[in-house]
PDB file of N, CA and C in Angstrom:
ATOM      1  N   MET A   1     -14.091  -0.846  30.680  1.00  0.00           N
ATOM      2  CA  MET A   1     -13.615  -0.932  29.263  1.00  0.00           C
ATOM      3  C   MET A   1     -14.223   0.267  28.540  1.00  0.00           C
ATOM      4  N   THR A   2     -13.410   0.773  27.644  1.00  0.00           N
ATOM      5  CA  THR A   2     -14.051   1.802  26.639  1.00  0.00           C
ATOM      6  C   THR A   2     -14.794   1.232  25.577  1.00  0.00           C
ATOM      7  N   ASP A   3     -15.599   2.055  24.966  1.00  0.00           N
ATOM      8  CA  ASP A   3     -16.509   1.562  23.783  1.00  0.00           C
ATOM      9  C   ASP A   3     -15.582   1.544  22.604  1.00  0.00           C
ATOM     10  N   VAL A   4     -15.711   0.460  21.721  1.00  0.00           N
ATOM     11  CA  VAL A   4     -14.932   0.596  20.529  1.00  0.00           C
ATOM     12  C   VAL A   4     -15.988   1.192  19.353  1.00  0.00           C
ATOM     13  N   GLN A   5     -15.366   2.084  18.584  1.00  0.00           N
ATOM     14  CA  GLN A   5     -16.205   2.606  17.602  1.00  0.00           C
ATOM     15  C   GLN A   5     -16.447   1.679  16.352  1.00  0.00           C
ATOM     16  N   ASP A   6     -17.591   1.709  15.908  1.00  0.00           N
ATOM     17  CA  ASP A   6     -17.961   0.739  14.797  1.00  0.00           C
ATOM     18  C   ASP A   6     -17.655   1.813  13.544  1.00  0.00           C
ATOM     19  N   TYR A   7     -16.994   1.074  12.614  1.00  0.00           N
ATOM     20  CA  TYR A   7     -16.545   1.696  11.371  1.00  0.00           C
ATOM     21  C   TYR A   7     -17.635   1.250  10.348  1.00  0.00           C
ATOM     22  N   PRO A   8     -18.304   2.270   9.793  1.00  0.00           N
ATOM     23  CA  PRO A   8     -19.562   1.860   8.933  1.00  0.00           C
ATOM     24  C   PRO A   8     -18.987   1.632   7.449  1.00  0.00           C
ATOM     25  N   SER A   9     -18.259   0.476   7.267  1.00  0.00           N
ATOM     26  CA  SER A   9     -17.697  -0.053   6.029  1.00  0.00           C
ATOM     27  C   SER A   9     -18.688  -1.080   5.501  1.00  0.00           C
ATOM     28  N   ARG A  10     -19.160  -0.846   4.134  1.00  0.00           N
ATOM     29  CA  ARG A  10     -20.083  -1.666   3.700  1.00  0.00           C
ATOM     30  C   ARG A  10     -19.745  -2.190   2.250  1.00  0.00           C
ATOM     31  N   LEU A  11     -20.016  -3.462   1.756  1.00  0.00           N
ATOM     32  CA  LEU A  11     -19.617  -3.760   0.481  1.00  0.00           C
ATOM     33  C   LEU A  11     -20.442  -2.957  -0.658  1.00  0.00           C
ATOM     34  N   ASN A  12     -21.593  -2.572  -0.271  1.00  0.00           N
ATOM     35  CA  ASN A  12     -22.425  -1.767  -1.348  1.00  0.00           C
ATOM     36  C   ASN A  12     -21.999  -0.358  -1.441  1.00  0.00           C
ATOM     37  N   ASP A  13     -20.842   0.184  -0.802  1.00  0.00           N
ATOM     38  CA  ASP A  13     -20.321   1.467  -0.756  1.00  0.00           C
ATOM     39  C   ASP A  13     -18.931   1.473  -0.834  1.00  0.00           C
ATOM     40  N   PRO A  14     -18.497   1.512  -2.164  1.00  0.00           N
ATOM     41  CA  PRO A  14     -17.029   1.548  -2.391  1.00  0.00           C
ATOM     42  C   PRO A  14     -16.236   2.582  -1.668  1.00  0.00           C
ATOM     43  N   GLU A  15     -16.704   3.642  -1.368  1.00  0.00           N
ATOM     44  CA  GLU A  15     -16.120   4.798  -0.598  1.00  0.00           C
ATOM     45  C   GLU A  15     -15.876   4.539   0.889  1.00  0.00           C
ATOM     46  N   SER A  16     -16.750   3.635   1.371  1.00  0.00           N
ATOM     47  CA  SER A  16     -16.423   3.243   2.699  1.00  0.00           C
ATOM     48  C   SER A  16     -15.455   2.260   3.096  1.00  0.00           C
ATOM     49  N   ARG A  17     -15.076   1.596   2.094  1.00  0.00           N
ATOM     50  CA  ARG A  17     -14.087   0.268   2.246  1.00  0.00           C
ATOM     51  C   ARG A  17     -12.713   0.788   2.631  1.00  0.00           C
ATOM     52  N   ARG A  18     -12.170   0.121   3.465  1.00  0.00           N
ATOM     53  CA  ARG A  18     -10.690   0.409   3.772  1.00  0.00           C
ATOM     54  C   ARG A  18      -9.836  -0.878   3.482  1.00  0.00           C
ATOM     55  N   HIS A  19      -8.644  -0.306   3.304  1.00  0.00           N
ATOM     56  CA  HIS A  19      -7.561  -1.425   2.926  1.00  0.00           C
ATOM     57  C   HIS A  19      -6.217  -1.107   3.737  1.00  0.00           C
ATOM     58  N   GLU A  20      -5.796  -1.882   4.409  1.00  0.00           N
ATOM     59  CA  GLU A  20      -4.532  -1.736   5.147  1.00  0.00           C
ATOM     60  C   GLU A  20      -4.895  -0.867   6.525  1.00  0.00           C
ATOM     61  N   THR A  21      -4.000  -0.951   7.308  1.00  0.00           N
ATOM     62  CA  THR A  21      -4.157  -0.043   8.504  1.00  0.00           C
ATOM     63  C   THR A  21      -4.270   1.378   8.517  1.00  0.00           C
ATOM     64  N   PHE A  22      -3.438   2.016   7.705  1.00  0.00           N
ATOM     65  CA  PHE A  22      -3.291   3.363   7.433  1.00  0.00           C
ATOM     66  C   PHE A  22      -4.528   4.001   6.758  1.00  0.00           C
ATOM     67  N   SER A  23      -5.415   3.124   6.220  1.00  0.00           N
ATOM     68  CA  SER A  23      -6.526   3.620   5.476  1.00  0.00           C
ATOM     69  C   SER A  23      -7.606   4.128   6.593  1.00  0.00           C
ATOM     70  N   TYR A  24      -7.356   3.816   7.906  1.00  0.00           N
ATOM     71  CA  TYR A  24      -8.389   4.335   8.928  1.00  0.00           C
ATOM     72  C   TYR A  24      -7.911   5.698   9.521  1.00  0.00           C
ATOM     73  N   LEU A  25      -6.750   6.159   9.088  1.00  0.00           N
ATOM     74  CA  LEU A  25      -6.250   7.401   9.541  1.00  0.00           C
ATOM     75  C   LEU A  25      -6.421   8.367   8.608  1.00  0.00           C
ATOM     76  N   PRO A  26      -6.262   9.587   8.729  1.00  0.00           N
ATOM     77  CA  PRO A  26      -6.366  10.729   7.834  1.00  0.00           C
ATOM     78  C   PRO A  26      -5.330  10.384   6.808  1.00  0.00           C
ATOM     79  N   ALA A  27      -5.854  10.768   5.411  1.00  0.00           N
ATOM     80  CA  ALA A  27      -4.897  10.452   4.294  1.00  0.00           C
ATOM     81  C   ALA A  27      -3.437  11.126   4.399  1.00  0.00           C
ATOM     82  N   MET A  28      -2.480  10.307   3.922  1.00  0.00           N
ATOM     83  CA  MET A  28      -1.160  10.759   4.064  1.00  0.00           C
ATOM     84  C   MET A  28      -0.755  11.553   2.944  1.00  0.00           C
ATOM     85  N   ASN A  29      -0.131  12.653   3.174  1.00  0.00           N
ATOM     86  CA  ASN A  29       0.486  13.498   1.962  1.00  0.00           C
ATOM     87  C   ASN A  29       1.718  12.826   1.413  1.00  0.00           C
ATOM     88  N   ALA A  30       2.314  13.577   0.388  1.00  0.00           N
ATOM     89  CA  ALA A  30       3.404  12.813  -0.304  1.00  0.00           C
ATOM     90  C   ALA A  30       4.705  12.557   0.586  1.00  0.00           C
ATOM     91  N   ALA A  31       4.783  13.706   1.551  1.00  0.00           N
ATOM     92  CA  ALA A  31       5.925  13.669   2.481  1.00  0.00           C
ATOM     93  C   ALA A  31       5.775  12.580   3.504  1.00  0.00           C
ATOM     94  N   ALA A  32       4.478  12.219   4.082  1.00  0.00           N
ATOM     95  CA  ALA A  32       4.176  11.124   4.844  1.00  0.00           C
ATOM     96  C   ALA A  32       4.498   9.924   4.168  1.00  0.00           C
ATOM     97  N   ILE A  33       3.999   9.886   3.035  1.00  0.00           N
ATOM     98  CA  ILE A  33       4.248   8.584   2.333  1.00  0.00           C
ATOM     99  C   ILE A  33       5.775   8.108   2.066  1.00  0.00           C
ATOM    100  N   ARG A  34       6.496   9.155   1.642  1.00  0.00           N
ATOM    101  CA  ARG A  34       7.922   9.022   1.476  1.00  0.00           C
ATOM    102  C   ARG A  34       8.676   8.634   2.757  1.00  0.00           C
ATOM    103  N   ALA A  35       8.213   9.342   4.081  1.00  0.00           N
ATOM    104  CA  ALA A  35       8.695   8.910   5.270  1.00  0.00           C
ATOM    105  C   ALA A  35       8.429   7.494   5.624  1.00  0.00           C
ATOM    106  N   GLN A  36       7.319   7.080   5.379  1.00  0.00           N
ATOM    107  CA  GLN A  36       6.985   5.656   5.739  1.00  0.00           C
ATOM    108  C   GLN A  36       7.911   4.613   4.982  1.00  0.00           C
ATOM    109  N   ILE A  37       7.923   4.923   3.559  1.00  0.00           N
ATOM    110  CA  ILE A  37       8.752   4.056   2.718  1.00  0.00           C
ATOM    111  C   ILE A  37      10.296   4.130   2.994  1.00  0.00           C
ATOM    112  N   SER A  38      10.679   5.357   3.368  1.00  0.00           N
ATOM    113  CA  SER A  38      12.041   5.520   4.012  1.00  0.00           C
ATOM    114  C   SER A  38      12.289   4.675   5.106  1.00  0.00           C
ATOM    115  N   TYR A  39      11.395   4.657   5.964  1.00  0.00           N
ATOM    116  CA  TYR A  39      11.472   3.840   7.259  1.00  0.00           C
ATOM    117  C   TYR A  39      11.569   2.387   6.908  1.00  0.00           C
ATOM    118  N   ALA A  40      10.656   2.054   6.095  1.00  0.00           N
ATOM    119  CA  ALA A  40      10.945   0.476   5.638  1.00  0.00           C
ATOM    120  C   ALA A  40      12.374   0.242   5.049  1.00  0.00           C
ATOM    121  N   LEU A  41      12.816   1.051   4.201  1.00  0.00           N
ATOM    122  CA  LEU A  41      14.034   0.874   3.610  1.00  0.00           C
ATOM    123  C   LEU A  41      15.116   0.982   4.590  1.00  0.00           C
ATOM    124  N   ASP A  42      14.932   1.800   5.632  1.00  0.00           N
ATOM    125  CA  ASP A  42      16.010   1.763   6.630  1.00  0.00           C
ATOM    126  C   ASP A  42      15.972   0.701   7.397  1.00  0.00           C
ATOM    127  N   GLN A  43      14.786  -0.120   7.414  1.00  0.00           N
ATOM    128  CA  GLN A  43      14.854  -1.396   8.304  1.00  0.00           C
ATOM    129  C   GLN A  43      15.570  -2.459   7.501  1.00  0.00           C
ATOM    130  N   GLY A  44      15.768  -2.334   6.407  1.00  0.00           N
ATOM    131  CA  GLY A  44      16.281  -3.631   5.445  1.00  0.00           C
ATOM    132  C   GLY A  44      15.280  -4.277   4.757  1.00  0.00           C
ATOM    133  N   TRP A  45      14.002  -3.849   4.734  1.00  0.00           N
ATOM    134  CA  TRP A  45      13.046  -4.499   4.297  1.00  0.00           C
ATOM    135  C   TRP A  45      12.806  -4.397   2.742  1.00  0.00           C
ATOM    136  N   ASN A  46      12.508  -5.496   2.026  1.00  0.00           N
ATOM    137  CA  ASN A  46      12.503  -5.337   0.594  1.00  0.00           C
ATOM    138  C   ASN A  46      11.109  -4.933   0.035  1.00  0.00           C
ATOM    139  N   PRO A  47      11.364  -3.777  -0.715  1.00  0.00           N
ATOM    140  CA  PRO A  47      10.117  -3.153  -1.200  1.00  0.00           C
ATOM    141  C   PRO A  47       9.556  -3.923  -2.583  1.00  0.00           C
ATOM    142  N   THR A  48       8.233  -3.828  -2.719  1.00  0.00           N
ATOM    143  CA  THR A  48       7.509  -4.293  -3.872  1.00  0.00           C
ATOM    144  C   THR A  48       6.341  -3.334  -4.050  1.00  0.00           C
ATOM    145  N   VAL A  49       5.687  -3.488  -5.294  1.00  0.00           N
ATOM    146  CA  VAL A  49       4.487  -2.577  -5.519  1.00  0.00           C
ATOM    147  C   VAL A  49       3.461  -3.610  -6.200  1.00  0.00           C
ATOM    148  N   GLU A  50       2.340  -3.509  -5.600  1.00  0.00           N
ATOM    149  CA  GLU A  50       1.089  -4.248  -5.951  1.00  0.00           C
ATOM    150  C   GLU A  50      -0.045  -3.392  -6.397  1.00  0.00           C
ATOM    151  N   HIS A  51      -0.979  -3.923  -7.256  1.00  0.00           N
ATOM    152  CA  HIS A  51      -2.235  -3.101  -7.542  1.00  0.00           C
ATOM    153  C   HIS A  51      -3.344  -4.134  -7.792  1.00  0.00           C
ATOM    154  N   VAL A  52      -4.555  -3.718  -7.802  1.00  0.00           N
ATOM    155  CA  VAL A  52      -5.740  -4.541  -7.962  1.00  0.00           C
ATOM    156  C   VAL A  52      -6.865  -3.400  -8.354  1.00  0.00           C
ATOM    157  N   GLU A  53      -7.925  -4.195  -9.047  1.00  0.00           N
ATOM    158  CA  GLU A  53      -8.956  -3.431  -9.269  1.00  0.00           C
ATOM    159  C   GLU A  53      -9.715  -3.293  -7.847  1.00  0.00           C
ATOM    160  N   PRO A  54     -10.491  -1.974  -7.871  1.00  0.00           N
ATOM    161  CA  PRO A  54     -11.083  -1.628  -6.628  1.00  0.00           C
ATOM    162  C   PRO A  54     -12.123  -2.492  -6.124  1.00  0.00           C
ATOM    163  N   ASP A  55     -12.946  -3.307  -6.902  1.00  0.00           N
ATOM    164  CA  ASP A  55     -13.808  -4.180  -6.515  1.00  0.00           C
ATOM    165  C   ASP A  55     -13.241  -5.602  -5.901  1.00  0.00           C
ATOM    166  N   ARG A  56     -11.926  -5.819  -6.199  1.00  0.00           N
ATOM    167  CA  ARG A  56     -11.256  -6.987  -5.710  1.00  0.00           C
ATOM    168  C   ARG A  56     -10.180  -6.636  -4.737  1.00  0.00           C
ATOM    169  N   ALA A  57     -10.327  -5.325  -4.070  1.00  0.00           N
ATOM    170  CA  ALA A  57      -9.346  -4.966  -3.292  1.00  0.00           C
ATOM    171  C   ALA A  57      -9.329  -5.803  -1.774  1.00  0.00           C
ATOM    172  N   GLY A  58     -10.675  -6.085  -1.447  1.00  0.00           N
ATOM    173  CA  GLY A  58     -10.831  -6.851  -0.231  1.00  0.00           C
ATOM    174  C   GLY A  58     -10.157  -8.330  -0.343  1.00  0.00           C
ATOM    175  N   ASN A  59      -9.751  -8.817  -1.521  1.00  0.00           N
ATOM    176  CA  ASN A  59      -9.187 -10.203  -1.711  1.00  0.00           C
ATOM    177  C   ASN A  59      -7.672 -10.149  -1.220  1.00  0.00           C
ATOM    178  N   THR A  60      -7.256 -11.290  -0.871  1.00  0.00           N
ATOM    179  CA  THR A  60      -5.915 -11.349  -0.399  1.00  0.00           C
ATOM    180  C   THR A  60      -5.020 -11.193  -1.290  1.00  0.00           C
ATOM    181  N   TYR A  61      -5.203 -11.693  -2.570  1.00  0.00           N
ATOM    182  CA  TYR A  61      -4.342 -11.548  -3.772  1.00  0.00           C
ATOM    183  C   TYR A  61      -4.340 -10.370  -4.688  1.00  0.00           C
ATOM    184  N   TRP A  62      -3.315  -9.478  -4.480  1.00  0.00           N
ATOM    185  CA  TRP A  62      -3.163  -8.330  -5.355  1.00  0.00           C
ATOM    186  C   TRP A  62      -2.293  -8.680  -6.468  1.00  0.00           C
ATOM    187  N   TYR A  63      -2.121  -8.074  -7.699  1.00  0.00           N
ATOM    188  CA  TYR A  63      -1.213  -8.320  -8.751  1.00  0.00           C
ATOM    189  C   TYR A  63      -0.064  -7.637  -8.314  1.00  0.00           C
ATOM    190  N   MET A  64       1.205  -8.295  -8.539  1.00  0.00           N
ATOM    191  CA  MET A  64       2.578  -7.662  -8.423  1.00  0.00           C
ATOM    192  C   MET A  64       2.960  -6.943  -9.494  1.00  0.00           C
ATOM    193  N   TRP A  65       3.473  -5.780  -9.251  1.00  0.00           N
ATOM    194  CA  TRP A  65       4.007  -5.003 -10.267  1.00  0.00           C
ATOM    195  C   TRP A  65       5.416  -5.194 -10.434  1.00  0.00           C
ATOM    196  N   LYS A  66       5.975  -5.929 -11.460  1.00  0.00           N
ATOM    197  CA  LYS A  66       7.318  -6.423 -11.602  1.00  0.00           C
ATOM    198  C   LYS A  66       7.610  -7.399 -10.437  1.00  0.00           C
ATOM    199  N   LEU A  67       8.946  -7.609 -10.378  1.00  0.00           N
ATOM    200  CA  LEU A  67       9.559  -8.431  -9.148  1.00  0.00           C
ATOM    201  C   LEU A  67       9.775  -7.431  -8.024  1.00  0.00           C
ATOM    202  N   PRO A  68       9.800  -8.225  -6.689  1.00  0.00           N
ATOM    203  CA  PRO A  68      10.057  -7.329  -5.621  1.00  0.00           C
ATOM    204  C   PRO A  68      11.521  -6.704  -5.864  1.00  0.00           C
ATOM    205  N   GLN A  69      11.762  -5.456  -5.327  1.00  0.00           N
ATOM    206  CA  GLN A  69      12.817  -4.729  -5.565  1.00  0.00           C
ATOM    207  C   GLN A  69      14.035  -5.262  -4.456  1.00  0.00           C
ATOM    208  N   PHE A  70      14.399  -6.525  -4.485  1.00  0.00           N
ATOM    209  CA  PHE A  70      15.352  -7.052  -3.446  1.00  0.00           C
ATOM    210  C   PHE A  70      16.523  -5.973  -3.326  1.00  0.00           C
ATOM    211  N   GLY A  71      16.820  -5.723  -2.037  1.00  0.00           N
ATOM    212  CA  GLY A  71      17.915  -4.895  -1.719  1.00  0.00           C
ATOM    213  C   GLY A  71      17.852  -3.505  -2.125  1.00  0.00           C
ATOM    214  N   GLU A  72      16.840  -3.032  -2.643  1.00  0.00           N
ATOM    215  CA  GLU A  72      16.851  -1.706  -3.091  1.00  0.00           C
ATOM    216  C   GLU A  72      16.764  -0.790  -1.892  1.00  0.00           C
ATOM    217  N   ARG A  73      17.501   0.221  -1.887  1.00  0.00           N
ATOM    218  CA  ARG A  73      17.739   1.226  -0.713  1.00  0.00           C
ATOM    219  C   ARG A  73      17.378   2.654  -1.264  1.00  0.00           C
ATOM    220  N   ASP A  74      17.293   2.818  -2.523  1.00  0.00           N
ATOM    221  CA  ASP A  74      17.071   4.137  -3.107  1.00  0.00           C
ATOM    222  C   ASP A  74      15.549   4.541  -3.031  1.00  0.00           C
ATOM    223  N   LEU A  75      15.161   5.456  -2.316  1.00  0.00           N
ATOM    224  CA  LEU A  75      13.742   5.886  -2.030  1.00  0.00           C
ATOM    225  C   LEU A  75      13.206   6.339  -3.368  1.00  0.00           C
ATOM    226  N   ASP A  76      13.886   7.107  -4.106  1.00  0.00           N
ATOM    227  CA  ASP A  76      13.440   7.683  -5.369  1.00  0.00           C
ATOM    228  C   ASP A  76      13.027   6.674  -6.366  1.00  0.00           C
ATOM    229  N   ARG A  77      13.837   5.474  -6.488  1.00  0.00           N
ATOM    230  CA  ARG A  77      13.530   4.308  -7.416  1.00  0.00           C
ATOM    231  C   ARG A  77      12.349   3.788  -6.921  1.00  0.00           C
ATOM    232  N   VAL A  78      11.973   3.443  -5.725  1.00  0.00           N
ATOM    233  CA  VAL A  78      10.872   2.894  -5.353  1.00  0.00           C
ATOM    234  C   VAL A  78       9.742   3.871  -5.658  1.00  0.00           C
ATOM    235  N   MET A  79       9.788   5.100  -5.346  1.00  0.00           N
ATOM    236  CA  MET A  79       8.567   6.116  -5.625  1.00  0.00           C
ATOM    237  C   MET A  79       8.463   6.119  -7.262  1.00  0.00           C
ATOM    238  N   ARG A  80       9.417   5.935  -7.890  1.00  0.00           N
ATOM    239  CA  ARG A  80       9.174   5.882  -9.293  1.00  0.00           C
ATOM    240  C   ARG A  80       8.335   4.603  -9.961  1.00  0.00           C
ATOM    241  N   GLN A  81       8.759   3.657  -9.249  1.00  0.00           N
ATOM    242  CA  GLN A  81       8.005   2.376  -9.510  1.00  0.00           C
ATOM    243  C   GLN A  81       6.538   2.401  -9.036  1.00  0.00           C
ATOM    244  N   LEU A  82       6.428   3.182  -7.944  1.00  0.00           N
ATOM    245  CA  LEU A  82       4.866   3.184  -7.544  1.00  0.00           C
ATOM    246  C   LEU A  82       4.207   4.164  -8.543  1.00  0.00           C
ATOM    247  N   GLU A  83       4.819   5.110  -9.013  1.00  0.00           N
ATOM    248  CA  GLU A  83       4.187   6.242 -10.200  1.00  0.00           C
ATOM    249  C   GLU A  83       3.968   5.260 -11.363  1.00  0.00           C
ATOM    250  N   ALA A  84       4.930   4.635 -11.870  1.00  0.00           N
ATOM    251  CA  ALA A  84       4.781   3.867 -12.955  1.00  0.00           C
ATOM    252  C   ALA A  84       3.691   2.845 -13.092  1.00  0.00           C
ATOM    253  N   CYS A  85       3.598   2.258 -11.846  1.00  0.00           N
ATOM    254  CA  CYS A  85       2.504   1.187 -11.773  1.00  0.00           C
ATOM    255  C   CYS A  85       1.083   2.030 -11.765  1.00  0.00           C
ATOM    256  N   ASN A  86       0.909   3.310 -11.071  1.00  0.00           N
ATOM    257  CA  ASN A  86      -0.296   3.908 -11.208  1.00  0.00           C
ATOM    258  C   ASN A  86      -0.672   4.478 -12.590  1.00  0.00           C
ATOM    259  N   ARG A  87       0.475   4.934 -13.263  1.00  0.00           N
ATOM    260  CA  ARG A  87       0.244   5.430 -14.771  1.00  0.00           C
ATOM    261  C   ARG A  87      -0.127   4.191 -15.552  1.00  0.00           C
ATOM    262  N   ALA A  88       0.380   3.011 -15.497  1.00  0.00           N
ATOM    263  CA  ALA A  88      -0.071   1.772 -16.285  1.00  0.00           C
ATOM    264  C   ALA A  88      -1.340   1.309 -15.764  1.00  0.00           C
ATOM    265  N   ASN A  89      -1.820   1.446 -14.638  1.00  0.00           N
ATOM    266  CA  ASN A  89      -3.161   0.854 -14.026  1.00  0.00           C
ATOM    267  C   ASN A  89      -3.898   2.058 -13.307  1.00  0.00           C
ATOM    268  N   PRO A  90      -4.349   3.037 -14.084  1.00  0.00           N
ATOM    269  CA  PRO A  90      -5.041   4.310 -13.467  1.00  0.00           C
ATOM    270  C   PRO A  90      -6.191   3.918 -12.884  1.00  0.00           C
ATOM    271  N   ASN A  91      -6.921   2.823 -13.083  1.00  0.00           N
ATOM    272  CA  ASN A  91      -8.198   2.522 -12.359  1.00  0.00           C
ATOM    273  C   ASN A  91      -7.999   1.434 -11.285  1.00  0.00           C
ATOM    274  N   HIS A  92      -6.831   1.211 -11.010  1.00  0.00           N
ATOM    275  CA  HIS A  92      -6.568   0.357  -9.822  1.00  0.00           C
ATOM    276  C   HIS A  92      -6.193   0.920  -8.573  1.00  0.00           C
ATOM    277  N   HIS A  93      -6.230   0.447  -7.374  1.00  0.00           N
ATOM    278  CA  HIS A  93      -5.440   0.758  -6.213  1.00  0.00           C
ATOM    279  C   HIS A  93      -4.043   0.285  -6.330  1.00  0.00           C
ATOM    280  N   VAL A  94      -3.126   1.099  -5.905  1.00  0.00           N
ATOM    281  CA  VAL A  94      -1.755   0.621  -5.899  1.00  0.00           C
ATOM    282  C   VAL A  94      -1.162   0.847  -4.429  1.00  0.00           C
ATOM    283  N   ARG A  95      -0.509  -0.174  -4.066  1.00  0.00           N
ATOM    284  CA  ARG A  95      -0.031  -0.415  -2.747  1.00  0.00           C
ATOM    285  C   ARG A  95       1.422  -0.637  -2.651  1.00  0.00           C
ATOM    286  N   PHE A  96       2.120  -0.101  -1.620  1.00  0.00           N
ATOM    287  CA  PHE A  96       3.488  -0.293  -1.281  1.00  0.00           C
ATOM    288  C   PHE A  96       3.420  -1.363  -0.237  1.00  0.00           C
ATOM    289  N   VAL A  97       4.401  -2.514  -0.419  1.00  0.00           N
ATOM    290  CA  VAL A  97       4.598  -3.438   0.518  1.00  0.00           C
ATOM    291  C   VAL A  97       6.084  -3.774   0.749  1.00  0.00           C
ATOM    292  N   ALA A  98       6.368  -3.960   1.888  1.00  0.00           N
ATOM    293  CA  ALA A  98       7.826  -4.142   2.438  1.00  0.00           C
ATOM    294  C   ALA A  98       7.944  -5.443   3.142  1.00  0.00           C
ATOM    295  N   TYR A  99       8.739  -6.463   2.676  1.00  0.00           N
ATOM    296  CA  TYR A  99       9.005  -7.718   3.341  1.00  0.00           C
ATOM    297  C   TYR A  99      10.210  -7.770   4.218  1.00  0.00           C
ATOM    298  N   ASP A 100       9.954  -8.288   5.304  1.00  0.00           N
ATOM    299  CA  ASP A 100      11.000  -8.316   6.363  1.00  0.00           C
ATOM    300  C   ASP A 100      11.623  -9.792   6.183  1.00  0.00           C
ATOM    301  N   ASN A 101      12.824  -9.916   5.644  1.00  0.00           N
ATOM    302  CA  ASN A 101      13.624 -11.091   5.568  1.00  0.00           C
ATOM    303  C   ASN A 101      13.688 -11.943   6.853  1.00  0.00           C
ATOM    304  N   ALA A 102      14.027 -11.149   7.958  1.00  0.00           N
ATOM    305  CA  ALA A 102      14.434 -11.832   9.051  1.00  0.00           C
ATOM    306  C   ALA A 102      13.092 -12.600   9.789  1.00  0.00           C
ATOM    307  N   LYS A 103      11.825 -11.829   9.731  1.00  0.00           N
ATOM    308  CA  LYS A 103      10.722 -12.567  10.205  1.00  0.00           C
ATOM    309  C   LYS A 103       9.917 -13.071   9.126  1.00  0.00           C
ATOM    310  N   GLN A 104      10.314 -13.204   7.788  1.00  0.00           N
ATOM    311  CA  GLN A 104       9.705 -13.641   6.784  1.00  0.00           C
ATOM    312  C   GLN A 104       8.129 -13.296   6.856  1.00  0.00           C
ATOM    313  N   SER A 105       7.875 -11.996   6.965  1.00  0.00           N
ATOM    314  CA  SER A 105       6.620 -11.638   6.723  1.00  0.00           C
ATOM    315  C   SER A 105       6.682 -10.238   6.175  1.00  0.00           C
ATOM    316  N   MET A 106       5.449  -9.601   6.086  1.00  0.00           N
ATOM    317  CA  MET A 106       5.389  -8.024   5.699  1.00  0.00           C
ATOM    318  C   MET A 106       5.589  -7.377   6.943  1.00  0.00           C
ATOM    319  N   GLY A 107       6.513  -6.343   6.557  1.00  0.00           N
ATOM    320  CA  GLY A 107       6.963  -5.317   7.645  1.00  0.00           C
ATOM    321  C   GLY A 107       5.981  -4.101   7.562  1.00  0.00           C
ATOM    322  N   ALA A 108       5.516  -3.872   6.363  1.00  0.00           N
ATOM    323  CA  ALA A 108       4.584  -2.833   6.121  1.00  0.00           C
ATOM    324  C   ALA A 108       3.822  -2.899   4.746  1.00  0.00           C
ATOM    325  N   ALA A 109       2.722  -2.373   4.810  1.00  0.00           N
ATOM    326  CA  ALA A 109       1.796  -2.502   3.575  1.00  0.00           C
ATOM    327  C   ALA A 109       0.736  -1.488   3.558  1.00  0.00           C
ATOM    328  N   PHE A 110       0.699  -0.649   2.728  1.00  0.00           N
ATOM    329  CA  PHE A 110      -0.282   0.468   2.598  1.00  0.00           C
ATOM    330  C   PHE A 110      -0.549   0.968   1.285  1.00  0.00           C
ATOM    331  N   VAL A 111      -1.955   1.262   1.005  1.00  0.00           N
ATOM    332  CA  VAL A 111      -2.287   2.027  -0.260  1.00  0.00           C
ATOM    333  C   VAL A 111      -1.755   3.200  -0.455  1.00  0.00           C
ATOM    334  N   VAL A 112      -1.011   3.387  -1.647  1.00  0.00           N
ATOM    335  CA  VAL A 112      -0.372   4.751  -2.064  1.00  0.00           C
ATOM    336  C   VAL A 112      -1.399   5.625  -2.762  1.00  0.00           C
ATOM    337  N   HIS A 113      -1.884   4.832  -3.850  1.00  0.00           N
ATOM    338  CA  HIS A 113      -2.760   5.318  -4.727  1.00  0.00           C
ATOM    339  C   HIS A 113      -4.206   4.641  -4.718  1.00  0.00           C
ATOM    340  N   ARG A 114      -5.339   5.421  -4.579  1.00  0.00           N
ATOM    341  CA  ARG A 114      -6.529   4.730  -4.704  1.00  0.00           C
ATOM    342  C   ARG A 114      -7.293   5.169  -6.079  1.00  0.00           C
ATOM    343  N   ALA A 115      -7.804   4.169  -6.889  1.00  0.00           N
ATOM    344  CA  ALA A 115      -8.494   4.446  -8.007  1.00  0.00           C
ATOM    345  C   ALA A 115      -9.594   5.610  -7.814  1.00  0.00           C
ATOM    346  N   ASN A 116      -9.544   6.246  -9.016  1.00  0.00           N
ATOM    347  CA  ASN A 116     -10.714   7.457  -8.914  1.00  0.00           C
ATOM    348  C   ASN A 116     -11.996   6.973  -9.378  1.00  0.00           C
ATOM    349  N   ASN A 117     -12.426   5.731  -9.108  1.00  0.00           N
ATOM    350  CA  ASN A 117     -13.829   5.167  -9.638  1.00  0.00           C
ATOM    351  C   ASN A 117     -14.892   5.800  -8.760  1.00  0.00           C
TER     352      ASN A 117
END
């Protein structure tokens, strides 16, 4: 069996904290973020935007930005909502979430903007 790497994430070190699966990978650029969101929309998943203060990001509950965008398939509209949420909440983390109706669960969720605290 191979050794599993320990990730040194600590509560007292905000920079070490990770949120969602993609945060363990190198940071995505704008094109990669668009590609992931485009994939979710192509699957028919319903997009929504959530945000939270950095010190509460480990909690299960994040604030919803407006209502979910049920049936939205326009990538640019989703991107505009992510940017609007970030502008309105510059000291919050902002994440994209896509809900899969068929499985009644999240199909994808990842942080798009990290607060600059």
